[in-house]
Amino acid sequence: MKTRLFSKPIFTLSLISLISACFGGIGIVFSITAFYIASKKIKEAQKNPLGFTGSLNTMKLGKTAAVVSSAVNLIYFIFTAVWVYNHGFQDFKDYWLGMLFLR
């Protein structure tokens, strides 16, 4: 019995990661999860190429998308950390509440 390589969850997690990067880089959780799943499936498919159907190249592209979204989240997390260090957490909170029209 052959197992199908589903790359849609990898791309979905990467997209969610890019969207949630705007919230201080918390999307890194999604991108690391996508990278882990993609790496695991690629290793399994390379060990047993006849046991899998689907495109291995698409799975590798999903892994690349996870790496890119992880890099974006890391950059945004560092930017947020530096901003909080320079201005303080209270200003950070006021800034976000102002962006969300709550203040």
Protein backbone atom coordinates (compact mmCIF):
# COMPACT_ATOMS: atom_id res chain seq x y z
CA MET A 1 0.00 0.00 0.00
CA LYS A 2 1.37 3.38 -0.99
CA THR A 3 1.19 6.46 1.19
CA ARG A 4 0.36 9.79 -0.42
CA LEU A 5 2.62 12.78 0.21
CA PHE A 6 0.32 15.62 1.22
CA SER A 7 2.06 18.97 0.94
CA LYS A 8 -1.05 21.09 1.51
CA PRO A 9 -0.69 21.11 5.35
CA ILE A 10 2.91 22.28 4.98
CA PHE A 11 1.93 25.19 2.77
CA THR A 12 -1.03 26.01 5.01
CA LEU A 13 1.16 26.17 8.12
CA SER A 14 3.70 28.30 6.27
CA LEU A 15 1.00 30.73 5.17
CA ILE A 16 -0.46 30.95 8.69
CA SER A 17 3.08 31.56 9.91
CA LEU A 18 3.57 34.47 7.51
CA ILE A 19 0.24 36.00 8.48
CA SER A 20 0.90 35.69 12.20
CA ALA A 21 4.41 37.14 11.85
CA CYS A 22 2.79 40.55 12.19
CA PHE A 23 1.97 39.77 15.81
CA GLY A 24 5.49 39.95 17.16
CA GLY A 25 6.88 36.90 15.38
CA ILE A 26 4.74 34.29 17.12
CA GLY A 27 4.25 32.54 13.78
CA ILE A 28 7.62 30.90 14.23
CA VAL A 29 5.80 28.08 16.03
CA PHE A 30 3.84 27.29 12.86
CA SER A 31 6.87 27.52 10.60
CA ILE A 32 8.97 25.23 12.77
CA THR A 33 6.11 22.73 12.85
CA ALA A 34 5.81 22.87 9.05
CA PHE A 35 9.57 22.42 8.65
CA TYR A 36 9.60 19.44 11.01
CA ILE A 37 6.72 17.69 9.27
CA ALA A 38 8.19 18.33 5.81
CA SER A 39 11.63 17.08 6.84
CA LYS A 40 10.16 13.95 8.36
CA LYS A 41 8.08 13.15 5.26
CA ILE A 42 11.00 13.82 2.90
CA LYS A 43 13.26 11.46 4.85
CA GLU A 44 10.58 8.75 4.85
CA ALA A 45 10.02 9.16 1.10
CA GLN A 46 13.74 9.02 0.34
CA LYS A 47 14.16 5.83 2.37
CA ASN A 48 11.26 4.11 0.61
CA PRO A 49 10.59 5.82 -2.74
CA LEU A 50 8.25 3.07 -3.95
CA GLY A 51 6.03 3.36 -0.87
CA PHE A 52 4.93 6.92 -1.56
CA THR A 53 2.92 8.63 -4.25
CA GLY A 54 2.88 12.33 -4.93
CA SER A 55 5.57 14.80 -5.74
CA LEU A 56 8.68 14.85 -3.61
CA ASN A 57 9.65 18.15 -5.27
CA THR A 58 6.45 19.77 -4.00
CA MET A 59 7.27 18.59 -0.50
CA LYS A 60 10.76 20.07 -0.83
CA LEU A 61 9.19 23.33 -1.99
CA GLY A 62 6.97 23.26 1.11
CA LYS A 63 10.06 22.80 3.25
CA THR A 64 11.63 25.83 1.56
CA ALA A 65 8.46 27.84 2.20
CA ALA A 66 8.67 26.87 5.87
CA VAL A 67 12.30 28.05 6.04
CA VAL A 68 11.41 31.39 4.41
CA SER A 69 8.47 31.97 6.74
CA SER A 70 10.67 31.04 9.69
CA ALA A 71 13.25 33.62 8.61
CA VAL A 72 10.57 36.32 8.25
CA ASN A 73 9.23 35.50 11.72
CA LEU A 74 12.70 35.54 13.23
CA ILE A 75 13.44 38.95 11.70
CA TYR A 76 10.15 40.35 12.94
CA PHE A 77 10.68 38.84 16.41
CA ILE A 78 14.09 40.48 16.65
CA PHE A 79 12.62 43.79 15.45
CA THR A 80 9.89 43.56 18.11
CA ALA A 81 12.38 42.68 20.85
CA VAL A 82 14.59 45.65 19.95
CA TRP A 83 11.57 47.96 19.80
CA VAL A 84 10.36 46.83 23.23
CA TYR A 85 13.88 47.23 24.62
CA ASN A 86 14.17 50.79 23.30
CA HIS A 87 10.66 52.04 24.07
CA GLY A 88 9.39 49.82 26.87
CA PHE A 89 6.60 47.31 27.06
CA GLN A 90 3.95 49.87 27.97
CA ASP A 91 4.59 51.82 24.76
CA PHE A 92 4.50 48.56 22.84
CA LYS A 93 1.14 47.69 24.36
CA ASP A 94 -0.23 51.18 23.65
CA TYR A 95 1.03 50.97 20.06
CA TRP A 96 -0.73 47.66 19.41
CA LEU A 97 -3.93 48.69 21.13
CA GLY A 98 -3.92 51.85 19.02
CA MET A 99 -3.47 49.79 15.86
CA LEU A 100 -6.38 47.58 16.86
CA PHE A 101 -8.55 50.69 17.47
CA LEU A 102 -9.01 49.79 21.13
CA ARG A 103 -7.57 53.11 22.32
